[in-house]
Amino acid sequence: ILTSVNDEQENVLHLACELGNKELVNFICQNALEYGILKFIINAKCEM
């Protein structure tokens, strides 16, 4: 779920950041850190 992307190549962190939802961004980052994929999802680039 954390690494999946939509048609615009946005992951769940992209979407949470677009909404500006601090709690959701922190939740995603905490889980990604726990699973060792934080760097991957933070550095993921959308189609733009």
All heavy atoms as atom14 arrays in JSON, in Angstrom:
{
  "sequence": "ILTSVNDEQENVLHLACELGNKELVNFICQNALEYGILKFIINAKCEM",
  "atom14_mask": [
    [1, 1, 1, 1, 1, 1, 1, 1, 0, 0, 0, 0, 0, 0],
    [1, 1, 1, 1, 1, 1, 1, 1, 0, 0, 0, 0, 0, 0],
    [1, 1, 1, 1, 1, 1, 1, 0, 0, 0, 0, 0, 0, 0],
    [1, 1, 1, 1, 1, 1, 0, 0, 0, 0, 0, 0, 0, 0],
    [1, 1, 1, 1, 1, 1, 1, 0, 0, 0, 0, 0, 0, 0],
    [1, 1, 1, 1, 1, 1, 1, 1, 0, 0, 0, 0, 0, 0],
    [1, 1, 1, 1, 1, 1, 1, 1, 0, 0, 0, 0, 0, 0],
    [1, 1, 1, 1, 1, 1, 1, 1, 1, 0, 0, 0, 0, 0],
    [1, 1, 1, 1, 1, 1, 1, 1, 1, 0, 0, 0, 0, 0],
    [1, 1, 1, 1, 1, 1, 1, 1, 1, 0, 0, 0, 0, 0],
    [1, 1, 1, 1, 1, 1, 1, 1, 0, 0, 0, 0, 0, 0],
    [1, 1, 1, 1, 1, 1, 1, 0, 0, 0, 0, 0, 0, 0],
    [1, 1, 1, 1, 1, 1, 1, 1, 0, 0, 0, 0, 0, 0],
    [1, 1, 1, 1, 1, 1, 1, 1, 1, 1, 0, 0, 0, 0],
    [1, 1, 1, 1, 1, 1, 1, 1, 0, 0, 0, 0, 0, 0],
    [1, 1, 1, 1, 1, 0, 0, 0, 0, 0, 0, 0, 0, 0],
    [1, 1, 1, 1, 1, 1, 0, 0, 0, 0, 0, 0, 0, 0],
    [1, 1, 1, 1, 1, 1, 1, 1, 1, 0, 0, 0, 0, 0],
    [1, 1, 1, 1, 1, 1, 1, 1, 0, 0, 0, 0, 0, 0],
    [1, 1, 1, 1, 0, 0, 0, 0, 0, 0, 0, 0, 0, 0],
    [1, 1, 1, 1, 1, 1, 1, 1, 0, 0, 0, 0, 0, 0],
    [1, 1, 1, 1, 1, 1, 1, 1, 1, 0, 0, 0, 0, 0],
    [1, 1, 1, 1, 1, 1, 1, 1, 1, 0, 0, 0, 0, 0],
    [1, 1, 1, 1, 1, 1, 1, 1, 0, 0, 0, 0, 0, 0],
    [1, 1, 1, 1, 1, 1, 1, 0, 0, 0, 0, 0, 0, 0],
    [1, 1, 1, 1, 1, 1, 1, 1, 0, 0, 0, 0, 0, 0],
    [1, 1, 1, 1, 1, 1, 1, 1, 1, 1, 1, 0, 0, 0],
    [1, 1, 1, 1, 1, 1, 1, 1, 0, 0, 0, 0, 0, 0],
    [1, 1, 1, 1, 1, 1, 0, 0, 0, 0, 0, 0, 0, 0],
    [1, 1, 1, 1, 1, 1, 1, 1, 1, 0, 0, 0, 0, 0],
    [1, 1, 1, 1, 1, 1, 1, 1, 0, 0, 0, 0, 0, 0],
    [1, 1, 1, 1, 1, 0, 0, 0, 0, 0, 0, 0, 0, 0],
    [1, 1, 1, 1, 1, 1, 1, 1, 0, 0, 0, 0, 0, 0],
    [1, 1, 1, 1, 1, 1, 1, 1, 1, 0, 0, 0, 0, 0],
    [1, 1, 1, 1, 1, 1, 1, 1, 1, 1, 1, 1, 0, 0],
    [1, 1, 1, 1, 0, 0, 0, 0, 0, 0, 0, 0, 0, 0],
    [1, 1, 1, 1, 1, 1, 1, 1, 0, 0, 0, 0, 0, 0],
    [1, 1, 1, 1, 1, 1, 1, 1, 0, 0, 0, 0, 0, 0],
    [1, 1, 1, 1, 1, 1, 1, 1, 1, 0, 0, 0, 0, 0],
    [1, 1, 1, 1, 1, 1, 1, 1, 1, 1, 1, 0, 0, 0],
    [1, 1, 1, 1, 1, 1, 1, 1, 0, 0, 0, 0, 0, 0],
    [1, 1, 1, 1, 1, 1, 1, 1, 0, 0, 0, 0, 0, 0],
    [1, 1, 1, 1, 1, 1, 1, 1, 0, 0, 0, 0, 0, 0],
    [1, 1, 1, 1, 1, 0, 0, 0, 0, 0, 0, 0, 0, 0],
    [1, 1, 1, 1, 1, 1, 1, 1, 1, 0, 0, 0, 0, 0],
    [1, 1, 1, 1, 1, 1, 0, 0, 0, 0, 0, 0, 0, 0],
    [1, 1, 1, 1, 1, 1, 1, 1, 1, 0, 0, 0, 0, 0],
    [1, 1, 1, 1, 1, 1, 1, 1, 0, 0, 0, 0, 0, 0]
  ],
  "atom14_positions": [
    [[0.84, -1.21, 0.0], [0.0, 0.0, 0.0], [0.87, 1.25, 0.0], [0.61, 2.2, -0.75], [-0.96, 0.0, 1.21], [-2.01, -1.08, 1.02], [-1.6, 1.38, 1.4], [-2.83, -1.37, 2.25], [0.0, 0.0, 0.0], [0.0, 0.0, 0.0], [0.0, 0.0, 0.0], [0.0, 0.0, 0.0], [0.0, 0.0, 0.0], [0.0, 0.0, 0.0]],
    [[1.91, 1.27, 0.81], [2.78, 2.45, 0.91], [3.57, 2.71, -0.36], [3.91, 3.86, -0.66], [3.74, 2.3, 2.09], [3.11, 2.37, 3.48], [4.13, 1.99, 4.54], [2.54, 3.75, 3.75], [0.0, 0.0, 0.0], [0.0, 0.0, 0.0], [0.0, 0.0, 0.0], [0.0, 0.0, 0.0], [0.0, 0.0, 0.0], [0.0, 0.0, 0.0]],
    [[3.86, 1.67, -1.13], [4.7, 1.84, -2.32], [3.92, 1.83, -3.62], [4.48, 2.13, -4.68], [5.78, 0.74, -2.38], [5.16, -0.54, -2.38], [6.74, 0.86, -1.21], [0.0, 0.0, 0.0], [0.0, 0.0, 0.0], [0.0, 0.0, 0.0], [0.0, 0.0, 0.0], [0.0, 0.0, 0.0], [0.0, 0.0, 0.0], [0.0, 0.0, 0.0]],
    [[2.63, 1.52, -3.57], [1.82, 1.51, -4.79], [1.62, 2.93, -5.32], [1.64, 3.9, -4.55], [0.45, 0.9, -4.51], [0.6, -0.46, -4.17], [0.0, 0.0, 0.0], [0.0, 0.0, 0.0], [0.0, 0.0, 0.0], [0.0, 0.0, 0.0], [0.0, 0.0, 0.0], [0.0, 0.0, 0.0], [0.0, 0.0, 0.0], [0.0, 0.0, 0.0]],
    [[1.43, 3.05, -6.61], [1.23, 4.36, -7.23], [-0.04, 4.35, -8.07], [-0.49, 3.31, -8.54], [2.43, 4.78, -8.1], [3.68, 4.96, -7.26], [2.69, 3.77, -9.21], [0.0, 0.0, 0.0], [0.0, 0.0, 0.0], [0.0, 0.0, 0.0], [0.0, 0.0, 0.0], [0.0, 0.0, 0.0], [0.0, 0.0, 0.0], [0.0, 0.0, 0.0]],
    [[-0.6, 5.54, -8.28], [-1.79, 5.68, -9.11], [-1.37, 5.95, -10.56], [-0.19, 5.83, -10.9], [-2.72, 6.78, -8.57], [-2.08, 8.16, -8.57], [-1.04, 8.39, -9.2], [-2.69, 9.09, -7.86], [0.0, 0.0, 0.0], [0.0, 0.0, 0.0], [0.0, 0.0, 0.0], [0.0, 0.0, 0.0], [0.0, 0.0, 0.0], [0.0, 0.0, 0.0]],
    [[-2.31, 6.33, -11.4], [-2.03, 6.55, -12.82], [-1.03, 7.7, -13.06], [-0.36, 7.73, -14.08], [-3.31, 6.85, -13.59], [-4.23, 5.64, -13.68], [-3.75, 4.5, -13.49], [-5.43, 5.83, -13.93], [0.0, 0.0, 0.0], [0.0, 0.0, 0.0], [0.0, 0.0, 0.0], [0.0, 0.0, 0.0], [0.0, 0.0, 0.0], [0.0, 0.0, 0.0]],
    [[-0.95, 8.63, -12.12], [-0.01, 9.75, -12.22], [1.32, 9.44, -11.54], [2.14, 10.32, -11.33], [-0.62, 11.02, -11.62], [-1.75, 11.61, -12.44], [-3.08, 10.89, -12.2], [-3.33, 10.44, -11.06], [-3.86, 10.79, -13.16], [0.0, 0.0, 0.0], [0.0, 0.0, 0.0], [0.0, 0.0, 0.0], [0.0, 0.0, 0.0], [0.0, 0.0, 0.0]],
    [[1.51, 8.18, -11.15], [2.71, 7.7, -10.46], [2.89, 8.32, -9.09], [4.0, 8.45, -8.58], [3.97, 7.94, -11.32], [3.95, 7.22, -12.65], [3.81, 5.71, -12.47], [4.59, 5.1, -11.77], [2.8, 5.12, -13.1], [0.0, 0.0, 0.0], [0.0, 0.0, 0.0], [0.0, 0.0, 0.0], [0.0, 0.0, 0.0], [0.0, 0.0, 0.0]],
    [[1.78, 8.71, -8.45], [1.83, 9.25, -7.09], [1.57, 8.13, -6.09], [0.67, 7.33, -6.27], [0.75, 10.33, -6.91], [0.95, 11.54, -7.79], [-0.22, 12.49, -7.7], [-1.38, 12.03, -7.69], [0.03, 13.7, -7.63], [0.0, 0.0, 0.0], [0.0, 0.0, 0.0], [0.0, 0.0, 0.0], [0.0, 0.0, 0.0], [0.0, 0.0, 0.0]],
    [[2.39, 8.12, -5.03], [2.16, 7.15, -3.96], [1.26, 7.78, -2.89], [0.84, 8.94, -3.01], [3.48, 6.63, -3.38], [4.32, 7.7, -2.73], [3.82, 8.68, -2.2], [5.63, 7.52, -2.74], [0.0, 0.0, 0.0], [0.0, 0.0, 0.0], [0.0, 0.0, 0.0], [0.0, 0.0, 0.0], [0.0, 0.0, 0.0], [0.0, 0.0, 0.0]],
    [[0.99, 7.04, -1.85], [0.09, 7.51, -0.8], [0.65, 8.75, -0.09], [-0.1, 9.61, 0.34], [-0.25, 6.36, 0.18], [0.96, 5.95, 1.0], [-1.41, 6.71, 1.06], [0.0, 0.0, 0.0], [0.0, 0.0, 0.0], [0.0, 0.0, 0.0], [0.0, 0.0, 0.0], [0.0, 0.0, 0.0], [0.0, 0.0, 0.0], [0.0, 0.0, 0.0]],
    [[1.96, 8.86, -0.01], [2.56, 10.05, 0.62], [2.34, 11.29, -0.25], [2.08, 12.37, 0.26], [4.05, 9.83, 0.9], [4.74, 10.95, 1.68], [4.07, 11.2, 3.02], [6.21, 10.63, 1.86], [0.0, 0.0, 0.0], [0.0, 0.0, 0.0], [0.0, 0.0, 0.0], [0.0, 0.0, 0.0], [0.0, 0.0, 0.0], [0.0, 0.0, 0.0]],
    [[2.44, 11.13, -1.58], [2.11, 12.25, -2.47], [0.71, 12.77, -2.15], [0.51, 13.98, -2.02], [2.12, 11.81, -3.94], [3.44, 11.73, -4.59], [4.14, 10.55, -4.66], [4.19, 12.65, -5.23], [5.27, 10.76, -5.32], [5.32, 12.03, -5.68], [0.0, 0.0, 0.0], [0.0, 0.0, 0.0], [0.0, 0.0, 0.0], [0.0, 0.0, 0.0]],
    [[-0.23, 11.86, -2.05], [-1.63, 12.25, -1.84], [-1.84, 12.91, -0.48], [-2.55, 13.91, -0.38], [-2.54, 11.02, -2.02], [-2.41, 10.33, -3.38], [-3.26, 9.07, -3.41], [-2.78, 11.27, -4.51], [0.0, 0.0, 0.0], [0.0, 0.0, 0.0], [0.0, 0.0, 0.0], [0.0, 0.0, 0.0], [0.0, 0.0, 0.0], [0.0, 0.0, 0.0]],
    [[-1.22, 12.36, 0.54], [-1.34, 12.96, 1.88], [-0.73, 14.36, 1.9], [-1.28, 15.28, 2.52], [-0.65, 12.08, 2.92], [0.0, 0.0, 0.0], [0.0, 0.0, 0.0], [0.0, 0.0, 0.0], [0.0, 0.0, 0.0], [0.0, 0.0, 0.0], [0.0, 0.0, 0.0], [0.0, 0.0, 0.0], [0.0, 0.0, 0.0], [0.0, 0.0, 0.0]],
    [[0.39, 14.53, 1.21], [1.03, 15.84, 1.14], [0.19, 16.83, 0.35], [0.12, 18.01, 0.7], [2.43, 15.72, 0.53], [3.62, 14.91, 1.61], [0.0, 0.0, 0.0], [0.0, 0.0, 0.0], [0.0, 0.0, 0.0], [0.0, 0.0, 0.0], [0.0, 0.0, 0.0], [0.0, 0.0, 0.0], [0.0, 0.0, 0.0], [0.0, 0.0, 0.0]],
    [[-0.44, 16.37, -0.72], [-1.33, 17.24, -1.5], [-2.47, 17.75, -0.64], [-2.89, 18.89, -0.78], [-1.89, 16.49, -2.71], [-0.88, 16.32, -3.82], [-1.44, 15.51, -4.99], [-2.68, 15.37, -5.1], [-0.63, 15.03, -5.79], [0.0, 0.0, 0.0], [0.0, 0.0, 0.0], [0.0, 0.0, 0.0], [0.0, 0.0, 0.0], [0.0, 0.0, 0.0]],
    [[-2.96, 16.91, 0.27], [-4.03, 17.31, 1.17], [-3.52, 18.2, 2.31], [-4.3, 18.88, 2.96], [-4.71, 16.08, 1.77], [-5.48, 15.19, 0.8], [-5.93, 13.92, 1.51], [-6.67, 15.94, 0.23], [0.0, 0.0, 0.0], [0.0, 0.0, 0.0], [0.0, 0.0, 0.0], [0.0, 0.0, 0.0], [0.0, 0.0, 0.0], [0.0, 0.0, 0.0]],
    [[-2.21, 18.14, 2.57], [-1.65, 18.89, 3.69], [-2.04, 18.33, 5.03], [-2.11, 19.05, 6.02], [0.0, 0.0, 0.0], [0.0, 0.0, 0.0], [0.0, 0.0, 0.0], [0.0, 0.0, 0.0], [0.0, 0.0, 0.0], [0.0, 0.0, 0.0], [0.0, 0.0, 0.0], [0.0, 0.0, 0.0], [0.0, 0.0, 0.0], [0.0, 0.0, 0.0]],
    [[-2.27, 17.02, 5.08], [-2.72, 16.37, 6.31], [-1.53, 15.91, 7.14], [-0.95, 14.86, 6.89], [-3.62, 15.18, 5.93], [-4.28, 14.56, 7.13], [-3.69, 14.45, 8.2], [-5.52, 14.13, 6.94], [0.0, 0.0, 0.0], [0.0, 0.0, 0.0], [0.0, 0.0, 0.0], [0.0, 0.0, 0.0], [0.0, 0.0, 0.0], [0.0, 0.0, 0.0]],
    [[-1.14, 16.71, 8.12], [0.04, 16.45, 8.94], [-0.03, 15.1, 9.65], [0.96, 14.36, 9.66], [0.21, 17.55, 9.98], [1.4, 17.33, 10.89], [1.52, 18.4, 11.94], [2.65, 18.08, 12.88], [2.78, 19.06, 13.95], [0.0, 0.0, 0.0], [0.0, 0.0, 0.0], [0.0, 0.0, 0.0], [0.0, 0.0, 0.0], [0.0, 0.0, 0.0]],
    [[-1.17, 14.77, 10.21], [-1.3, 13.51, 10.93], [-1.11, 12.32, 9.99], [-0.44, 11.34, 10.33], [-2.65, 13.42, 11.63], [-2.82, 14.39, 12.78], [-3.18, 15.8, 12.32], [-3.67, 15.98, 11.19], [-2.95, 16.74, 13.11], [0.0, 0.0, 0.0], [0.0, 0.0, 0.0], [0.0, 0.0, 0.0], [0.0, 0.0, 0.0], [0.0, 0.0, 0.0]],
    [[-1.69, 12.39, 8.81], [-1.56, 11.31, 7.84], [-0.13, 11.21, 7.32], [0.41, 10.11, 7.19], [-2.55, 11.5, 6.68], [-2.61, 10.39, 5.64], [-2.89, 9.04, 6.3], [-3.67, 10.72, 4.6], [0.0, 0.0, 0.0], [0.0, 0.0, 0.0], [0.0, 0.0, 0.0], [0.0, 0.0, 0.0], [0.0, 0.0, 0.0], [0.0, 0.0, 0.0]],
    [[0.5, 12.34, 7.05], [1.9, 12.34, 6.6], [2.78, 11.7, 7.67], [3.61, 10.84, 7.36], [2.38, 13.77, 6.26], [3.89, 13.8, 6.06], [1.66, 14.3, 5.03], [0.0, 0.0, 0.0], [0.0, 0.0, 0.0], [0.0, 0.0, 0.0], [0.0, 0.0, 0.0], [0.0, 0.0, 0.0], [0.0, 0.0, 0.0], [0.0, 0.0, 0.0]],
    [[2.6, 12.08, 8.92], [3.39, 11.49, 10.01], [3.12, 9.99, 10.14], [4.06, 9.21, 10.33], [3.12, 12.19, 11.33], [3.91, 13.46, 11.48], [5.01, 13.58, 10.96], [3.34, 14.43, 12.17], [0.0, 0.0, 0.0], [0.0, 0.0, 0.0], [0.0, 0.0, 0.0], [0.0, 0.0, 0.0], [0.0, 0.0, 0.0], [0.0, 0.0, 0.0]],
    [[1.86, 9.58, 10.03], [1.51, 8.17, 10.12], [2.2, 7.36, 9.01], [2.78, 6.31, 9.25], [-0.01, 8.01, 10.03], [-0.48, 6.59, 10.03], [-0.54, 5.87, 11.21], [-0.84, 5.96, 8.85], [-0.97, 4.54, 11.22], [-1.27, 4.64, 8.83], [-1.32, 3.93, 10.03], [0.0, 0.0, 0.0], [0.0, 0.0, 0.0], [0.0, 0.0, 0.0]],
    [[2.13, 7.86, 7.79], [2.76, 7.19, 6.65], [4.26, 7.11, 6.85], [4.87, 6.06, 6.64], [2.4, 7.9, 5.33], [0.91, 7.73, 5.03], [3.26, 7.38, 4.18], [0.4, 8.65, 3.93], [0.0, 0.0, 0.0], [0.0, 0.0, 0.0], [0.0, 0.0, 0.0], [0.0, 0.0, 0.0], [0.0, 0.0, 0.0], [0.0, 0.0, 0.0]],
    [[4.86, 8.23, 7.26], [6.33, 8.25, 7.44], [6.77, 7.32, 8.56], [7.8, 6.64, 8.44], [6.8, 9.68, 7.69], [6.71, 10.72, 6.22], [0.0, 0.0, 0.0], [0.0, 0.0, 0.0], [0.0, 0.0, 0.0], [0.0, 0.0, 0.0], [0.0, 0.0, 0.0], [0.0, 0.0, 0.0], [0.0, 0.0, 0.0], [0.0, 0.0, 0.0]],
    [[6.03, 7.28, 9.65], [6.38, 6.38, 10.76], [6.34, 4.93, 10.3], [7.24, 4.15, 10.61], [5.4, 6.57, 11.93], [5.61, 7.82, 12.72], [6.86, 7.79, 13.58], [7.49, 6.76, 13.78], [7.24, 8.94, 14.09], [0.0, 0.0, 0.0], [0.0, 0.0, 0.0], [0.0, 0.0, 0.0], [0.0, 0.0, 0.0], [0.0, 0.0, 0.0]],
    [[5.29, 4.56, 9.56], [5.18, 3.18, 9.08], [6.26, 2.88, 8.05], [6.86, 1.8, 8.07], [3.79, 2.92, 8.5], [2.78, 2.7, 9.59], [2.76, 1.65, 10.21], [1.97, 3.7, 9.87], [0.0, 0.0, 0.0], [0.0, 0.0, 0.0], [0.0, 0.0, 0.0], [0.0, 0.0, 0.0], [0.0, 0.0, 0.0], [0.0, 0.0, 0.0]],
    [[6.52, 3.8, 7.16], [7.55, 3.59, 6.15], [8.93, 3.46, 6.81], [9.74, 2.63, 6.39], [7.55, 4.74, 5.14], [0.0, 0.0, 0.0], [0.0, 0.0, 0.0], [0.0, 0.0, 0.0], [0.0, 0.0, 0.0], [0.0, 0.0, 0.0], [0.0, 0.0, 0.0], [0.0, 0.0, 0.0], [0.0, 0.0, 0.0], [0.0, 0.0, 0.0]],
    [[9.18, 4.24, 7.85], [10.44, 4.13, 8.58], [10.57, 2.76, 9.22], [11.62, 2.1, 9.14], [10.52, 5.23, 9.66], [11.76, 5.25, 10.54], [13.0, 5.52, 9.7], [11.61, 6.3, 11.62], [0.0, 0.0, 0.0], [0.0, 0.0, 0.0], [0.0, 0.0, 0.0], [0.0, 0.0, 0.0], [0.0, 0.0, 0.0], [0.0, 0.0, 0.0]],
    [[9.49, 2.3, 9.83], [9.48, 0.98, 10.48], [9.78, -0.14, 9.48], [10.46, -1.11, 9.81], [8.11, 0.74, 11.13], [7.99, -0.57, 11.85], [6.62, -0.75, 12.48], [6.0, 0.26, 12.88], [6.18, -1.9, 12.59], [0.0, 0.0, 0.0], [0.0, 0.0, 0.0], [0.0, 0.0, 0.0], [0.0, 0.0, 0.0], [0.0, 0.0, 0.0]],
    [[9.29, 0.0, 8.25], [9.48, -1.04, 7.24], [10.72, -0.82, 6.38], [10.98, -1.57, 5.44], [8.25, -1.15, 6.35], [7.0, -1.49, 7.12], [5.83, -0.79, 6.92], [6.99, -2.5, 8.08], [4.68, -1.09, 7.63], [5.86, -2.8, 8.8], [4.7, -2.09, 8.57], [3.57, -2.39, 9.28], [0.0, 0.0, 0.0], [0.0, 0.0, 0.0]],
    [[11.48, 0.23, 6.69], [12.73, 0.47, 5.96], [12.54, 1.01, 4.55], [13.42, 0.86, 3.71], [0.0, 0.0, 0.0], [0.0, 0.0, 0.0], [0.0, 0.0, 0.0], [0.0, 0.0, 0.0], [0.0, 0.0, 0.0], [0.0, 0.0, 0.0], [0.0, 0.0, 0.0], [0.0, 0.0, 0.0], [0.0, 0.0, 0.0], [0.0, 0.0, 0.0]],
    [[11.4, 1.65, 4.28], [11.14, 2.16, 2.94], [10.9, 3.67, 2.92], [10.46, 4.23, 1.91], [9.93, 1.44, 2.29], [8.68, 1.62, 3.14], [10.25, -0.03, 2.04], [7.4, 1.14, 2.48], [0.0, 0.0, 0.0], [0.0, 0.0, 0.0], [0.0, 0.0, 0.0], [0.0, 0.0, 0.0], [0.0, 0.0, 0.0], [0.0, 0.0, 0.0]],
    [[11.22, 4.35, 4.01], [10.97, 5.78, 4.09], [11.69, 6.54, 2.99], [11.09, 7.36, 2.29], [11.36, 6.33, 5.46], [11.12, 7.82, 5.68], [9.64, 8.16, 5.52], [11.61, 8.25, 7.04], [0.0, 0.0, 0.0], [0.0, 0.0, 0.0], [0.0, 0.0, 0.0], [0.0, 0.0, 0.0], [0.0, 0.0, 0.0], [0.0, 0.0, 0.0]],
    [[12.96, 6.28, 2.81], [13.74, 6.98, 1.78], [13.12, 6.76, 0.4], [13.05, 7.68, -0.41], [15.19, 6.51, 1.81], [16.1, 7.3, 0.91], [17.55, 6.87, 1.08], [18.44, 7.66, 0.17], [19.85, 7.31, 0.36], [0.0, 0.0, 0.0], [0.0, 0.0, 0.0], [0.0, 0.0, 0.0], [0.0, 0.0, 0.0], [0.0, 0.0, 0.0]],
    [[12.65, 5.55, 0.16], [12.05, 5.21, -1.12], [10.79, 6.03, -1.39], [10.64, 6.62, -2.46], [11.74, 3.71, -1.18], [11.01, 3.29, -2.41], [11.69, 3.13, -3.61], [9.64, 3.06, -2.39], [11.01, 2.74, -4.76], [8.97, 2.67, -3.52], [9.66, 2.53, -4.72], [0.0, 0.0, 0.0], [0.0, 0.0, 0.0], [0.0, 0.0, 0.0]],
    [[9.86, 6.09, -0.42], [8.61, 6.8, -0.7], [8.78, 8.32, -0.67], [8.06, 9.02, -1.37], [7.45, 6.34, 0.22], [7.66, 6.73, 1.66], [7.17, 4.88, 0.06], [6.41, 6.59, 2.5], [0.0, 0.0, 0.0], [0.0, 0.0, 0.0], [0.0, 0.0, 0.0], [0.0, 0.0, 0.0], [0.0, 0.0, 0.0], [0.0, 0.0, 0.0]],
    [[9.72, 8.82, 0.11], [9.97, 10.27, 0.13], [10.59, 10.73, -1.19], [10.29, 11.81, -1.67], [10.87, 10.66, 1.32], [10.06, 10.61, 2.6], [11.46, 12.05, 1.14], [10.85, 10.91, 3.84], [0.0, 0.0, 0.0], [0.0, 0.0, 0.0], [0.0, 0.0, 0.0], [0.0, 0.0, 0.0], [0.0, 0.0, 0.0], [0.0, 0.0, 0.0]],
    [[11.44, 9.91, -1.77], [12.13, 10.28, -3.0], [11.38, 9.88, -4.27], [11.84, 10.19, -5.37], [13.53, 9.66, -3.03], [14.43, 10.3, -1.99], [14.43, 11.5, -1.81], [15.18, 9.48, -1.28], [0.0, 0.0, 0.0], [0.0, 0.0, 0.0], [0.0, 0.0, 0.0], [0.0, 0.0, 0.0], [0.0, 0.0, 0.0], [0.0, 0.0, 0.0]],
    [[10.23, 9.22, -4.13], [9.46, 8.81, -5.3], [8.97, 10.04, -6.06], [8.52, 11.02, -5.46], [8.27, 7.95, -4.86], [0.0, 0.0, 0.0], [0.0, 0.0, 0.0], [0.0, 0.0, 0.0], [0.0, 0.0, 0.0], [0.0, 0.0, 0.0], [0.0, 0.0, 0.0], [0.0, 0.0, 0.0], [0.0, 0.0, 0.0], [0.0, 0.0, 0.0]],
    [[9.05, 9.98, -7.38], [8.62, 11.1, -8.22], [7.39, 10.72, -9.03], [7.31, 9.63, -9.57], [9.75, 11.53, -9.14], [10.93, 12.1, -8.39], [12.02, 12.56, -9.31], [13.17, 13.13, -8.49], [14.29, 13.51, -9.35], [0.0, 0.0, 0.0], [0.0, 0.0, 0.0], [0.0, 0.0, 0.0], [0.0, 0.0, 0.0], [0.0, 0.0, 0.0]],
    [[6.46, 11.66, -9.1], [5.27, 11.44, -9.91], [5.64, 11.64, -11.38], [6.79, 11.94, -11.7], [4.15, 12.4, -9.49], [4.48, 14.14, -9.86], [0.0, 0.0, 0.0], [0.0, 0.0, 0.0], [0.0, 0.0, 0.0], [0.0, 0.0, 0.0], [0.0, 0.0, 0.0], [0.0, 0.0, 0.0], [0.0, 0.0, 0.0], [0.0, 0.0, 0.0]],
    [[4.67, 11.51, -12.26], [4.97, 11.62, -13.69], [5.48, 13.01, -14.07], [6.1, 13.18, -15.11], [3.76, 11.23, -14.53], [2.57, 12.12, -14.38], [1.37, 11.65, -15.19], [1.34, 10.5, -15.66], [0.44, 12.45, -15.34], [0.0, 0.0, 0.0], [0.0, 0.0, 0.0], [0.0, 0.0, 0.0], [0.0, 0.0, 0.0], [0.0, 0.0, 0.0]],
    [[5.25, 14.0, -13.21], [5.77, 15.35, -13.47], [7.13, 15.56, -12.82], [7.67, 16.66, -12.84], [4.77, 16.39, -12.99], [3.46, 16.34, -13.78], [2.34, 17.68, -13.39], [3.23, 19.06, -14.1], [0.0, 0.0, 0.0], [0.0, 0.0, 0.0], [0.0, 0.0, 0.0], [0.0, 0.0, 0.0], [0.0, 0.0, 0.0], [0.0, 0.0, 0.0]]
  ]
}
